[in-house]
């Protein structure tokens, strides 16, 4: 049984979540709390495997509680809040503080049962046996982001407009925001252009790009259709459109387009990796990071068969070994590495393919 604690100041939300948990096989409602202060008391008394947490609450807000929890009693936390839509910075903070996932609470609370399937699936994923240790490691690494600003500052970068026919592509989902930040912080400033598909709602992608741009020595921006991929630039795929690449001579160009969801996602890692397999695989490094599902796994295998070098995050350092696990299982990986070794591996590979 997975023991769930619900923390929300709305009696109606608590009632709806209680009904969902009680009727779902394998879940047990350990306790409910109307705010984090009550939740602290509940944690002293009841066994809790997963916490569903609101952000806006009296006496203590959810983010303060989350940060304190992860330093003293690391527990998988699913944020369920309307602020997930209204304030993207709050959502990014939640991930940095160690939230397992963030789900947008509908404006009409009566629509909450429509999220039941996703909520139950996320609870089960969050209850993984080693998720606690992974989340607290992730939180500790992300809790001092100011330090990233000083990395590489002794080496000035002069090639921001230099073109490149090399490309690095990254696919990630659950747990990916901090994993991406850690990898980018370990790369040199003259890195080839990097294109990233991170599964997140459309309203968060711009805030994610701006935050990384403020912390890192390269330019981090939302991808724009038709622009040329350049050294020293990191391109984040916008939400709700597919991102891929195309070739124009020796140049790689970004392409954005509408279309149906692929593997339940838009943007889809598969769409990006497929395009790399077709246009740039011999000059590409593919990276698959933590995430639920299998988006991008088969396309990554196509990249490898076409000549790319592929790095897959290992199970021990992944918050969820879904996407990287599937990539490994289908033979898409050249190497499987813990998160803290991926940046150095990228640097070594780039030296070999110059």
C-alpha atoms as a PDB file:
ATOM      1  CA  UNK A   1       0.000   0.000   0.000  1.00  0.00           C
ATOM      2  CA  UNK A   2       1.104   3.548  -0.772  1.00  0.00           C
ATOM      3  CA  UNK A   3       0.366   5.858   2.156  1.00  0.00           C
ATOM      4  CA  UNK A   4      -0.698   9.322   0.978  1.00  0.00           C
ATOM      5  CA  UNK A   5      -0.913  12.576   2.952  1.00  0.00           C
ATOM      6  CA  UNK A   6      -3.108  15.339   1.481  1.00  0.00           C
ATOM      7  CA  UNK A   7      -2.235  18.933   2.452  1.00  0.00           C
ATOM      8  CA  UNK A   8      -4.698  21.556   1.183  1.00  0.00           C
ATOM      9  CA  UNK A   9      -6.627  24.356   2.851  1.00  0.00           C
ATOM     10  CA  UNK A  10      -9.748  23.721   0.739  1.00  0.00           C
ATOM     11  CA  UNK A  11     -12.175  21.325   2.381  1.00  0.00           C
ATOM     12  CA  UNK A  12     -13.680  20.500  -1.022  1.00  0.00           C
ATOM     13  CA  UNK A  13     -10.279  19.622  -2.516  1.00  0.00           C
ATOM     14  CA  UNK A  14      -9.481  17.460   0.493  1.00  0.00           C
ATOM     15  CA  UNK A  15     -12.820  15.681   0.073  1.00  0.00           C
ATOM     16  CA  UNK A  16     -12.323  15.030  -3.663  1.00  0.00           C
ATOM     17  CA  UNK A  17      -8.745  13.800  -3.197  1.00  0.00           C
ATOM     18  CA  UNK A  18      -9.834  11.618  -0.299  1.00  0.00           C
ATOM     19  CA  UNK A  19     -12.459   9.961  -2.489  1.00  0.00           C
ATOM     20  CA  UNK A  20      -9.957   9.355  -5.301  1.00  0.00           C
ATOM     21  CA  UNK A  21      -7.388   7.796  -2.965  1.00  0.00           C
ATOM     22  CA  UNK A  22      -9.844   5.641  -1.002  1.00  0.00           C
ATOM     23  CA  UNK A  23     -11.355   4.064  -4.122  1.00  0.00           C
ATOM     24  CA  UNK A  24      -8.003   3.376  -5.818  1.00  0.00           C
ATOM     25  CA  UNK A  25      -6.504  -0.038  -5.272  1.00  0.00           C
ATOM     26  CA  UNK A  26      -3.033   0.111  -3.752  1.00  0.00           C
ATOM     27  CA  UNK A  27      -3.451   3.587  -2.262  1.00  0.00           C
ATOM     28  CA  UNK A  28      -4.194   4.351   1.377  1.00  0.00           C
ATOM     29  CA  UNK A  29      -5.169   7.740   2.790  1.00  0.00           C
ATOM     30  CA  UNK A  30      -2.743   8.086   5.659  1.00  0.00           C
ATOM     31  CA  UNK A  31      -3.938  11.530   6.770  1.00  0.00           C
ATOM     32  CA  UNK A  32      -5.220  14.935   5.660  1.00  0.00           C
ATOM     33  CA  UNK A  33      -4.085  18.386   6.793  1.00  0.00           C
ATOM     34  CA  UNK A  34      -5.496  21.845   6.158  1.00  0.00           C
ATOM     35  CA  UNK A  35      -2.042  23.496   6.149  1.00  0.00           C
ATOM     36  CA  UNK A  36       1.665  22.585   6.519  1.00  0.00           C
ATOM     37  CA  UNK A  37       1.673  23.145  10.280  1.00  0.00           C
ATOM     38  CA  UNK A  38      -0.951  20.433  10.687  1.00  0.00           C
ATOM     39  CA  UNK A  39       0.962  18.333   8.148  1.00  0.00           C
ATOM     40  CA  UNK A  40       4.078  18.403  10.332  1.00  0.00           C
ATOM     41  CA  UNK A  41       2.049  16.910  13.189  1.00  0.00           C
ATOM     42  CA  UNK A  42       0.625  14.258  10.870  1.00  0.00           C
ATOM     43  CA  UNK A  43       4.117  13.272   9.726  1.00  0.00           C
ATOM     44  CA  UNK A  44       5.102  12.638  13.347  1.00  0.00           C
ATOM     45  CA  UNK A  45       2.215  10.220  13.795  1.00  0.00           C
ATOM     46  CA  UNK A  46       1.429   8.536  10.469  1.00  0.00           C
ATOM     47  CA  UNK A  47       3.449   6.610   7.906  1.00  0.00           C
ATOM     48  CA  UNK A  48       3.587   8.679   4.713  1.00  0.00           C
ATOM     49  CA  UNK A  49       5.037   7.602   1.359  1.00  0.00           C
ATOM     50  CA  UNK A  50       3.778  10.449  -0.864  1.00  0.00           C
ATOM     51  CA  UNK A  51       2.456  13.945  -0.113  1.00  0.00           C
ATOM     52  CA  UNK A  52      -0.011  15.889  -2.273  1.00  0.00           C
ATOM     53  CA  UNK A  53       0.664  19.544  -1.483  1.00  0.00           C
ATOM     54  CA  UNK A  54      -1.008  22.861  -2.293  1.00  0.00           C
ATOM     55  CA  UNK A  55       1.090  26.064  -2.392  1.00  0.00           C
ATOM     56  CA  UNK A  56      -1.178  28.873  -1.190  1.00  0.00           C
ATOM     57  CA  UNK A  57      -2.122  28.056   2.414  1.00  0.00           C
ATOM     58  CA  UNK A  58      -2.383  29.846   5.759  1.00  0.00           C
ATOM     59  CA  UNK A  59       0.376  29.880   8.419  1.00  0.00           C
ATOM     60  CA  UNK A  60       2.996  28.417   6.042  1.00  0.00           C
ATOM     61  CA  UNK A  61       3.090  28.309   2.244  1.00  0.00           C
ATOM     62  CA  UNK A  62       3.705  25.066   0.416  1.00  0.00           C
ATOM     63  CA  UNK A  63       7.144  25.988  -0.941  1.00  0.00           C
ATOM     64  CA  UNK A  64       8.503  26.814   2.521  1.00  0.00           C
ATOM     65  CA  UNK A  65       7.162  23.511   3.803  1.00  0.00           C
ATOM     66  CA  UNK A  66       8.638  21.648   0.811  1.00  0.00           C
ATOM     67  CA  UNK A  67      12.096  23.125   1.330  1.00  0.00           C
ATOM     68  CA  UNK A  68      12.099  22.292   5.053  1.00  0.00           C
ATOM     69  CA  UNK A  69      10.740  18.819   4.412  1.00  0.00           C
ATOM     70  CA  UNK A  70      13.455  17.915   1.911  1.00  0.00           C
ATOM     71  CA  UNK A  71      16.236  18.921   4.284  1.00  0.00           C
ATOM     72  CA  UNK A  72      14.842  17.104   7.313  1.00  0.00           C
ATOM     73  CA  UNK A  73      12.493  14.321   6.151  1.00  0.00           C
ATOM     74  CA  UNK A  74      12.789  13.812   2.373  1.00  0.00           C
ATOM     75  CA  UNK A  75       9.468  12.545   1.041  1.00  0.00           C
ATOM     76  CA  UNK A  76       8.157  12.487  -2.537  1.00  0.00           C
ATOM     77  CA  UNK A  77       5.877  15.515  -2.980  1.00  0.00           C
ATOM     78  CA  UNK A  78       3.381  16.154  -5.766  1.00  0.00           C
ATOM     79  CA  UNK A  79       2.418  19.820  -6.000  1.00  0.00           C
ATOM     80  CA  UNK A  80      -1.249  20.299  -6.871  1.00  0.00           C
ATOM     81  CA  UNK A  81      -1.893  24.020  -7.196  1.00  0.00           C
ATOM     82  CA  UNK A  82      -3.570  26.631  -9.369  1.00  0.00           C
ATOM     83  CA  UNK A  83      -0.329  28.639  -9.097  1.00  0.00           C
ATOM     84  CA  UNK A  84       1.254  26.080 -11.392  1.00  0.00           C
ATOM     85  CA  UNK A  85      -0.507  27.924 -14.202  1.00  0.00           C
ATOM     86  CA  UNK A  86      -0.481  31.465 -12.846  1.00  0.00           C
ATOM     87  CA  UNK A  87       3.173  31.651 -11.801  1.00  0.00           C
ATOM     88  CA  UNK A  88       5.786  29.678 -13.717  1.00  0.00           C
ATOM     89  CA  UNK A  89       8.585  30.837 -11.402  1.00  0.00           C
ATOM     90  CA  UNK A  90       6.807  29.197  -8.479  1.00  0.00           C
ATOM     91  CA  UNK A  91       6.646  25.933 -10.402  1.00  0.00           C
ATOM     92  CA  UNK A  92      10.364  26.032 -11.216  1.00  0.00           C
ATOM     93  CA  UNK A  93      11.106  26.744  -7.559  1.00  0.00           C
ATOM     94  CA  UNK A  94       9.058  23.721  -6.569  1.00  0.00           C
ATOM     95  CA  UNK A  95      11.163  21.497  -8.823  1.00  0.00           C
ATOM     96  CA  UNK A  96      14.362  23.024  -7.457  1.00  0.00           C
ATOM     97  CA  UNK A  97      13.191  22.383  -3.901  1.00  0.00           C
ATOM     98  CA  UNK A  98      12.687  18.723  -4.732  1.00  0.00           C
ATOM     99  CA  UNK A  99       9.077  18.314  -5.893  1.00  0.00           C
ATOM    100  CA  UNK A 100       8.565  15.053  -7.758  1.00  0.00           C
ATOM    101  CA  UNK A 101       6.021  16.616 -10.106  1.00  0.00           C
ATOM    102  CA  UNK A 102       3.739  19.639 -10.418  1.00  0.00           C
ATOM    103  CA  UNK A 103       0.118  19.274 -11.510  1.00  0.00           C
ATOM    104  CA  UNK A 104      -2.122  22.216 -12.292  1.00  0.00           C
ATOM    105  CA  UNK A 105      -5.241  22.378 -10.151  1.00  0.00           C
ATOM    106  CA  UNK A 106      -8.227  23.269 -12.372  1.00  0.00           C
ATOM    107  CA  UNK A 107      -9.927  26.603 -11.733  1.00  0.00           C
ATOM    108  CA  UNK A 108     -13.199  24.754 -11.263  1.00  0.00           C
ATOM    109  CA  UNK A 109     -12.464  22.364  -8.424  1.00  0.00           C
ATOM    110  CA  UNK A 110     -15.326  20.132  -9.536  1.00  0.00           C
ATOM    111  CA  UNK A 111     -13.193  19.283 -12.612  1.00  0.00           C
ATOM    112  CA  UNK A 112     -10.489  17.795 -10.384  1.00  0.00           C
ATOM    113  CA  UNK A 113     -11.657  14.172 -10.873  1.00  0.00           C
ATOM    114  CA  UNK A 114     -10.733  14.559 -14.560  1.00  0.00           C
ATOM    115  CA  UNK A 115      -7.087  14.556 -13.415  1.00  0.00           C
ATOM    116  CA  UNK A 116      -7.582  11.294 -11.545  1.00  0.00           C
ATOM    117  CA  UNK A 117      -5.685   9.047 -13.975  1.00  0.00           C
ATOM    118  CA  UNK A 118      -2.635  11.332 -14.091  1.00  0.00           C
ATOM    119  CA  UNK A 119      -2.688  11.919 -10.344  1.00  0.00           C
ATOM    120  CA  UNK A 120      -2.868   8.214  -9.484  1.00  0.00           C
ATOM    121  CA  UNK A 121      -0.130   7.373 -11.996  1.00  0.00           C
ATOM    122  CA  UNK A 122       2.121  10.086 -10.571  1.00  0.00           C
ATOM    123  CA  UNK A 123       1.536   8.895  -6.989  1.00  0.00           C
ATOM    124  CA  UNK A 124       2.610   5.387  -7.962  1.00  0.00           C
ATOM    125  CA  UNK A 125       5.709   6.640  -9.746  1.00  0.00           C
ATOM    126  CA  UNK A 126       6.602   8.908  -6.822  1.00  0.00           C
ATOM    127  CA  UNK A 127       6.377   6.008  -4.388  1.00  0.00           C
ATOM    128  CA  UNK A 128       9.340   4.264  -6.028  1.00  0.00           C
ATOM    129  CA  UNK A 129      11.602   2.682  -3.437  1.00  0.00           C
ATOM    130  CA  UNK A 130      14.598   4.918  -4.069  1.00  0.00           C
ATOM    131  CA  UNK A 131      12.865   8.146  -5.065  1.00  0.00           C
ATOM    132  CA  UNK A 132      13.409   9.710  -1.630  1.00  0.00           C
ATOM    133  CA  UNK A 133      17.191   9.515  -1.796  1.00  0.00           C
ATOM    134  CA  UNK A 134      17.269  10.733  -5.389  1.00  0.00           C
ATOM    135  CA  UNK A 135      15.070  13.719  -4.658  1.00  0.00           C
ATOM    136  CA  UNK A 136      17.073  14.883  -1.680  1.00  0.00           C
ATOM    137  CA  UNK A 137      20.317  14.620  -3.684  1.00  0.00           C
ATOM    138  CA  UNK A 138      18.667  16.630  -6.428  1.00  0.00           C
ATOM    139  CA  UNK A 139      17.467  19.238  -3.932  1.00  0.00           C
ATOM    140  CA  UNK A 140      20.906  19.656  -2.375  1.00  0.00           C
ATOM    141  CA  UNK A 141      22.501  20.245  -5.766  1.00  0.00           C
ATOM    142  CA  UNK A 142      19.859  22.783  -6.785  1.00  0.00           C
ATOM    143  CA  UNK A 143      19.644  24.631  -3.479  1.00  0.00           C
ATOM    144  CA  UNK A 144      22.581  26.929  -4.224  1.00  0.00           C
ATOM    145  CA  UNK A 145      22.062  27.975  -7.875  1.00  0.00           C
ATOM    146  CA  UNK A 146      23.982  31.226  -7.405  1.00  0.00           C
ATOM    147  CA  UNK A 147      27.170  29.175  -7.423  1.00  0.00           C
ATOM    148  CA  UNK A 148      26.528  28.259 -11.045  1.00  0.00           C
ATOM    149  CA  UNK A 149      26.935  31.878 -12.094  1.00  0.00           C
ATOM    150  CA  UNK A 150      30.656  31.766 -11.328  1.00  0.00           C
ATOM    151  CA  UNK A 151      31.405  28.552 -13.201  1.00  0.00           C
ATOM    152  CA  UNK A 152      33.522  29.145 -16.328  1.00  0.00           C
ATOM    153  CA  UNK A 153      33.799  32.920 -15.686  1.00  0.00           C
ATOM    154  CA  UNK A 154      37.597  32.714 -15.905  1.00  0.00           C
ATOM    155  CA  UNK A 155      37.306  31.700 -19.548  1.00  0.00           C
ATOM    156  CA  UNK A 156      35.833  34.367 -21.817  1.00  0.00           C
ATOM    157  CA  UNK A 157      33.765  33.142 -24.724  1.00  0.00           C
ATOM    158  CA  UNK A 158      34.227  34.902 -28.029  1.00  0.00           C
ATOM    159  CA  UNK A 159      32.351  32.627 -30.428  1.00  0.00           C
ATOM    160  CA  UNK A 160      28.691  33.365 -29.803  1.00  0.00           C
ATOM    161  CA  UNK A 161      27.992  33.811 -33.513  1.00  0.00           C
ATOM    162  CA  UNK A 162      30.213  30.994 -34.740  1.00  0.00           C
ATOM    163  CA  UNK A 163      28.218  28.415 -36.687  1.00  0.00           C
ATOM    164  CA  UNK A 164      28.603  24.697 -36.099  1.00  0.00           C
ATOM    165  CA  UNK A 165      27.643  21.492 -37.822  1.00  0.00           C
ATOM    166  CA  UNK A 166      27.846  19.665 -34.507  1.00  0.00           C
ATOM    167  CA  UNK A 167      24.756  19.458 -32.341  1.00  0.00           C
ATOM    168  CA  UNK A 168      23.784  18.152 -28.915  1.00  0.00           C
ATOM    169  CA  UNK A 169      20.181  17.093 -28.288  1.00  0.00           C
ATOM    170  CA  UNK A 170      18.651  16.346 -24.895  1.00  0.00           C
ATOM    171  CA  UNK A 171      15.346  14.728 -24.007  1.00  0.00           C
ATOM    172  CA  UNK A 172      13.947  14.696 -20.469  1.00  0.00           C
ATOM    173  CA  UNK A 173      10.790  14.703 -18.392  1.00  0.00           C
ATOM    174  CA  UNK A 174      10.137  14.114 -14.669  1.00  0.00           C
ATOM    175  CA  UNK A 175      13.152  15.349 -12.699  1.00  0.00           C
ATOM    176  CA  UNK A 176      14.694  16.811 -15.832  1.00  0.00           C
ATOM    177  CA  UNK A 177      14.791  20.508 -14.961  1.00  0.00           C
ATOM    178  CA  UNK A 178      17.493  20.141 -12.322  1.00  0.00           C
ATOM    179  CA  UNK A 179      19.262  17.388 -14.272  1.00  0.00           C
ATOM    180  CA  UNK A 180      19.555  19.717 -17.276  1.00  0.00           C
ATOM    181  CA  UNK A 181      20.862  22.524 -15.073  1.00  0.00           C
ATOM    182  CA  UNK A 182      23.541  20.263 -13.602  1.00  0.00           C
ATOM    183  CA  UNK A 183      24.737  19.065 -17.005  1.00  0.00           C
ATOM    184  CA  UNK A 184      24.837  22.538 -18.553  1.00  0.00           C
ATOM    185  CA  UNK A 185      26.754  23.919 -15.560  1.00  0.00           C
ATOM    186  CA  UNK A 186      29.562  21.477 -16.292  1.00  0.00           C
ATOM    187  CA  UNK A 187      30.016  22.344 -19.982  1.00  0.00           C
ATOM    188  CA  UNK A 188      32.481  24.814 -21.529  1.00  0.00           C
ATOM    189  CA  UNK A 189      31.153  28.081 -22.890  1.00  0.00           C
ATOM    190  CA  UNK A 190      32.130  27.291 -26.482  1.00  0.00           C
ATOM    191  CA  UNK A 191      29.925  24.210 -26.560  1.00  0.00           C
ATOM    192  CA  UNK A 192      28.147  23.324 -29.840  1.00  0.00           C
ATOM    193  CA  UNK A 193      24.496  24.307 -30.043  1.00  0.00           C
ATOM    194  CA  UNK A 194      22.233  22.350 -27.712  1.00  0.00           C
ATOM    195  CA  UNK A 195      18.546  21.664 -28.378  1.00  0.00           C
ATOM    196  CA  UNK A 196      16.411  20.468 -25.463  1.00  0.00           C
ATOM    197  CA  UNK A 197      12.949  18.967 -25.253  1.00  0.00           C
ATOM    198  CA  UNK A 198      11.821  19.006 -21.618  1.00  0.00           C
ATOM    199  CA  UNK A 199       8.259  17.859 -21.025  1.00  0.00           C
ATOM    200  CA  UNK A 200       6.495  20.737 -19.289  1.00  0.00           C
ATOM    201  CA  UNK A 201       3.350  22.805 -19.823  1.00  0.00           C
ATOM    202  CA  UNK A 202       3.527  25.641 -22.322  1.00  0.00           C
ATOM    203  CA  UNK A 203       3.408  28.379 -19.676  1.00  0.00           C
ATOM    204  CA  UNK A 204       6.625  27.167 -18.006  1.00  0.00           C
ATOM    205  CA  UNK A 205       9.084  26.852 -20.874  1.00  0.00           C
ATOM    206  CA  UNK A 206       9.918  30.546 -21.223  1.00  0.00           C
ATOM    207  CA  UNK A 207      10.485  30.943 -17.481  1.00  0.00           C
ATOM    208  CA  UNK A 208      12.689  27.836 -17.532  1.00  0.00           C
ATOM    209  CA  UNK A 209      14.795  29.239 -20.371  1.00  0.00           C
ATOM    210  CA  UNK A 210      15.141  32.640 -18.676  1.00  0.00           C
ATOM    211  CA  UNK A 211      16.193  31.063 -15.403  1.00  0.00           C
ATOM    212  CA  UNK A 212      18.901  28.960 -17.036  1.00  0.00           C
ATOM    213  CA  UNK A 213      20.047  31.987 -19.022  1.00  0.00           C
ATOM    214  CA  UNK A 214      20.504  33.942 -15.786  1.00  0.00           C
ATOM    215  CA  UNK A 215      22.608  31.176 -14.225  1.00  0.00           C
ATOM    216  CA  UNK A 216      24.799  29.977 -17.080  1.00  0.00           C
ATOM    217  CA  UNK A 217      27.493  31.535 -19.261  1.00  0.00           C
ATOM    218  CA  UNK A 218      25.843  30.649 -22.564  1.00  0.00           C
ATOM    219  CA  UNK A 219      22.732  32.119 -24.114  1.00  0.00           C
ATOM    220  CA  UNK A 220      19.659  30.052 -23.226  1.00  0.00           C
ATOM    221  CA  UNK A 221      16.494  30.894 -25.154  1.00  0.00           C
ATOM    222  CA  UNK A 222      13.277  29.466 -26.515  1.00  0.00           C
ATOM    223  CA  UNK A 223      13.755  27.876 -29.913  1.00  0.00           C
ATOM    224  CA  UNK A 224      12.406  29.850 -32.889  1.00  0.00           C
ATOM    225  CA  UNK A 225      11.448  28.274 -36.168  1.00  0.00           C
ATOM    226  CA  UNK A 226      13.965  28.860 -38.938  1.00  0.00           C
ATOM    227  CA  UNK A 227      16.851  30.069 -36.777  1.00  0.00           C
ATOM    228  CA  UNK A 228      20.298  28.599 -37.227  1.00  0.00           C
ATOM    229  CA  UNK A 229      21.770  26.526 -34.407  1.00  0.00           C
ATOM    230  CA  UNK A 230      24.931  28.255 -33.151  1.00  0.00           C
ATOM    231  CA  UNK A 231      27.770  27.459 -30.787  1.00  0.00           C
ATOM    232  CA  UNK A 232      27.324  28.775 -27.263  1.00  0.00           C
ATOM    233  CA  UNK A 233      23.530  28.706 -27.500  1.00  0.00           C
ATOM    234  CA  UNK A 234      21.039  26.452 -25.751  1.00  0.00           C
ATOM    235  CA  UNK A 235      17.581  26.199 -27.328  1.00  0.00           C
ATOM    236  CA  UNK A 236      14.605  25.111 -25.228  1.00  0.00           C
ATOM    237  CA  UNK A 237      11.659  23.718 -27.191  1.00  0.00           C
ATOM    238  CA  UNK A 238       8.558  25.835 -26.509  1.00  0.00           C
ATOM    239  CA  UNK A 239       5.529  24.145 -25.028  1.00  0.00           C
ATOM    240  CA  UNK A 240       2.713  22.770 -27.186  1.00  0.00           C
ATOM    241  CA  UNK A 241       4.637  22.674 -30.488  1.00  0.00           C
ATOM    242  CA  UNK A 242       6.975  20.040 -31.869  1.00  0.00           C
ATOM    243  CA  UNK A 243      10.632  20.986 -32.241  1.00  0.00           C
ATOM    244  CA  UNK A 244      12.912  19.388 -34.813  1.00  0.00           C
ATOM    245  CA  UNK A 245      15.921  20.234 -36.947  1.00  0.00           C
ATOM    246  CA  UNK A 246      16.496  20.432 -40.675  1.00  0.00           C
ATOM    247  CA  UNK A 247      19.622  20.897 -42.763  1.00  0.00           C
ATOM    248  CA  UNK A 248      20.638  23.732 -45.085  1.00  0.00           C
ATOM    249  CA  UNK A 249      24.033  22.862 -46.453  1.00  0.00           C
ATOM    250  CA  UNK A 250      26.339  22.405 -43.458  1.00  0.00           C
ATOM    251  CA  UNK A 251      23.977  24.381 -41.227  1.00  0.00           C
ATOM    252  CA  UNK A 252      21.386  22.986 -38.857  1.00  0.00           C
ATOM    253  CA  UNK A 253      18.134  24.912 -38.578  1.00  0.00           C
ATOM    254  CA  UNK A 254      15.389  24.719 -35.995  1.00  0.00           C
ATOM    255  CA  UNK A 255      11.870  23.897 -37.065  1.00  0.00           C
ATOM    256  CA  UNK A 256       8.707  24.328 -34.997  1.00  0.00           C
ATOM    257  CA  UNK A 257       5.325  23.013 -36.066  1.00  0.00           C
ATOM    258  CA  UNK A 258       1.926  22.033 -34.788  1.00  0.00           C
ATOM    259  CA  UNK A 259       0.727  18.471 -34.985  1.00  0.00           C
ATOM    260  CA  UNK A 260      -0.799  15.690 -32.948  1.00  0.00           C
ATOM    261  CA  UNK A 261       0.864  14.608 -29.727  1.00  0.00           C
ATOM    262  CA  UNK A 262       3.499  11.912 -30.107  1.00  0.00           C
ATOM    263  CA  UNK A 263       3.816   9.454 -27.216  1.00  0.00           C
ATOM    264  CA  UNK A 264       1.303  11.718 -25.403  1.00  0.00           C
ATOM    265  CA  UNK A 265       3.620  14.731 -25.690  1.00  0.00           C
ATOM    266  CA  UNK A 266       3.979  17.953 -27.673  1.00  0.00           C
ATOM    267  CA  UNK A 267       6.849  18.754 -27.926  1.00  0.00           C
ATOM    268  CA  UNK A 268       7.986  15.175 -28.225  1.00  0.00           C
ATOM    269  CA  UNK A 269      11.537  13.919 -27.762  1.00  0.00           C
ATOM    270  CA  UNK A 270      10.822  11.435 -30.553  1.00  0.00           C
ATOM    271  CA  UNK A 271      10.161  14.222 -33.050  1.00  0.00           C
ATOM    272  CA  UNK A 272      13.468  15.924 -32.232  1.00  0.00           C
ATOM    273  CA  UNK A 273      15.528  12.737 -32.202  1.00  0.00           C
ATOM    274  CA  UNK A 274      13.959  11.464 -35.438  1.00  0.00           C
ATOM    275  CA  UNK A 275      14.947  14.651 -37.226  1.00  0.00           C
ATOM    276  CA  UNK A 276      18.506  14.381 -35.901  1.00  0.00           C
ATOM    277  CA  UNK A 277      18.691  10.794 -37.176  1.00  0.00           C
ATOM    278  CA  UNK A 278      17.687  12.050 -40.628  1.00  0.00           C
ATOM    279  CA  UNK A 279      19.823  15.176 -40.865  1.00  0.00           C
ATOM    280  CA  UNK A 280      22.708  15.350 -38.404  1.00  0.00           C
ATOM    281  CA  UNK A 281      23.332  12.038 -36.662  1.00  0.00           C
ATOM    282  CA  UNK A 282      27.029  11.695 -37.527  1.00  0.00           C
ATOM    283  CA  UNK A 283      27.695  15.082 -35.949  1.00  0.00           C
ATOM    284  CA  UNK A 284      25.324  14.653 -33.026  1.00  0.00           C
ATOM    285  CA  UNK A 285      25.433  13.663 -29.384  1.00  0.00           C
ATOM    286  CA  UNK A 286      22.117  12.439 -28.011  1.00  0.00           C
ATOM    287  CA  UNK A 287      21.306  12.488 -24.306  1.00  0.00           C
ATOM    288  CA  UNK A 288      18.324  10.864 -22.606  1.00  0.00           C
ATOM    289  CA  UNK A 289      17.602  11.968 -19.071  1.00  0.00           C
ATOM    290  CA  UNK A 290      15.188  11.047 -16.291  1.00  0.00           C
ATOM    291  CA  UNK A 291      11.503  10.871 -17.145  1.00  0.00           C
ATOM    292  CA  UNK A 292       8.335   8.770 -17.191  1.00  0.00           C
ATOM    293  CA  UNK A 293       7.250   6.867 -20.263  1.00  0.00           C
ATOM    294  CA  UNK A 294       9.175   5.923 -23.391  1.00  0.00           C
ATOM    295  CA  UNK A 295       9.159   9.106 -25.481  1.00  0.00           C
ATOM    296  CA  UNK A 296      12.252   9.235 -27.681  1.00  0.00           C
ATOM    297  CA  UNK A 297      13.645   5.747 -26.998  1.00  0.00           C
ATOM    298  CA  UNK A 298      13.123   4.253 -30.459  1.00  0.00           C
ATOM    299  CA  UNK A 299      14.121   7.492 -32.151  1.00  0.00           C
ATOM    300  CA  UNK A 300      17.330   7.506 -30.144  1.00  0.00           C
ATOM    301  CA  UNK A 301      18.060   4.008 -31.477  1.00  0.00           C
ATOM    302  CA  UNK A 302      17.610   5.433 -34.992  1.00  0.00           C
ATOM    303  CA  UNK A 303      20.108   8.170 -34.145  1.00  0.00           C
ATOM    304  CA  UNK A 304      22.659   5.581 -33.036  1.00  0.00           C
ATOM    305  CA  UNK A 305      22.168   3.504 -36.169  1.00  0.00           C
ATOM    306  CA  UNK A 306      22.707   6.655 -38.232  1.00  0.00           C
ATOM    307  CA  UNK A 307      25.983   7.454 -36.478  1.00  0.00           C
ATOM    308  CA  UNK A 308      25.318   9.546 -33.378  1.00  0.00           C
ATOM    309  CA  UNK A 309      26.914   9.003 -29.971  1.00  0.00           C
ATOM    310  CA  UNK A 310      24.263   8.478 -27.314  1.00  0.00           C
ATOM    311  CA  UNK A 311      24.457   8.960 -23.549  1.00  0.00           C
ATOM    312  CA  UNK A 312      21.730   7.593 -21.279  1.00  0.00           C
ATOM    313  CA  UNK A 313      21.340   8.556 -17.623  1.00  0.00           C
ATOM    314  CA  UNK A 314      21.650   5.585 -15.286  1.00  0.00           C
ATOM    315  CA  UNK A 315      18.875   4.274 -13.066  1.00  0.00           C
ATOM    316  CA  UNK A 316      20.515   5.203  -9.766  1.00  0.00           C
ATOM    317  CA  UNK A 317      20.675   8.933 -10.559  1.00  0.00           C
ATOM    318  CA  UNK A 318      17.357   9.165 -12.443  1.00  0.00           C
ATOM    319  CA  UNK A 319      14.309  10.303 -10.513  1.00  0.00           C
ATOM    320  CA  UNK A 320      12.319   8.023 -12.847  1.00  0.00           C
ATOM    321  CA  UNK A 321      14.092   5.511 -15.096  1.00  0.00           C
ATOM    322  CA  UNK A 322      11.336   5.386 -17.672  1.00  0.00           C
ATOM    323  CA  UNK A 323      12.600   7.183 -20.773  1.00  0.00           C
ATOM    324  CA  UNK A 324      16.288   6.390 -20.174  1.00  0.00           C
ATOM    325  CA  UNK A 325      15.422   2.827 -19.188  1.00  0.00           C
ATOM    326  CA  UNK A 326      13.493   2.256 -22.417  1.00  0.00           C
ATOM    327  CA  UNK A 327      16.330   3.792 -24.435  1.00  0.00           C
ATOM    328  CA  UNK A 328      18.760   1.380 -22.790  1.00  0.00           C
ATOM    329  CA  UNK A 329      16.466  -1.612 -23.302  1.00  0.00           C
ATOM    330  CA  UNK A 330      16.107  -0.988 -27.039  1.00  0.00           C
ATOM    331  CA  UNK A 331      19.871  -0.659 -27.548  1.00  0.00           C
ATOM    332  CA  UNK A 332      19.992   3.101 -28.108  1.00  0.00           C
ATOM    333  CA  UNK A 333      22.806   3.824 -25.634  1.00  0.00           C
ATOM    334  CA  UNK A 334      26.511   3.953 -26.350  1.00  0.00           C
ATOM    335  CA  UNK A 335      27.120   4.547 -22.664  1.00  0.00           C
ATOM    336  CA  UNK A 336      24.994   4.660 -19.492  1.00  0.00           C
ATOM    337  CA  UNK A 337      26.271   7.124 -16.908  1.00  0.00           C
ATOM    338  CA  UNK A 338      25.285   8.755 -13.611  1.00  0.00           C
ATOM    339  CA  UNK A 339      24.154  12.353 -13.950  1.00  0.00           C
ATOM    340  CA  UNK A 340      27.341  13.828 -12.489  1.00  0.00           C
ATOM    341  CA  UNK A 341      29.492  12.212 -15.204  1.00  0.00           C
ATOM    342  CA  UNK A 342      27.477  13.188 -18.272  1.00  0.00           C
ATOM    343  CA  UNK A 343      28.984  16.676 -18.773  1.00  0.00           C
ATOM    344  CA  UNK A 344      32.546  15.346 -18.710  1.00  0.00           C
ATOM    345  CA  UNK A 345      31.596  12.575 -21.135  1.00  0.00           C
ATOM    346  CA  UNK A 346      30.177  15.150 -23.549  1.00  0.00           C
ATOM    347  CA  UNK A 347      33.467  17.059 -23.433  1.00  0.00           C
ATOM    348  CA  UNK A 348      35.483  13.904 -24.111  1.00  0.00           C
ATOM    349  CA  UNK A 349      33.282  12.915 -27.053  1.00  0.00           C
ATOM    350  CA  UNK A 350      33.571  16.380 -28.596  1.00  0.00           C
ATOM    351  CA  UNK A 351      37.352  16.071 -28.515  1.00  0.00           C
ATOM    352  CA  UNK A 352      37.126  12.779 -30.416  1.00  0.00           C
ATOM    353  CA  UNK A 353      34.765  14.001 -33.142  1.00  0.00           C
ATOM    354  CA  UNK A 354      36.509  17.313 -33.914  1.00  0.00           C
END
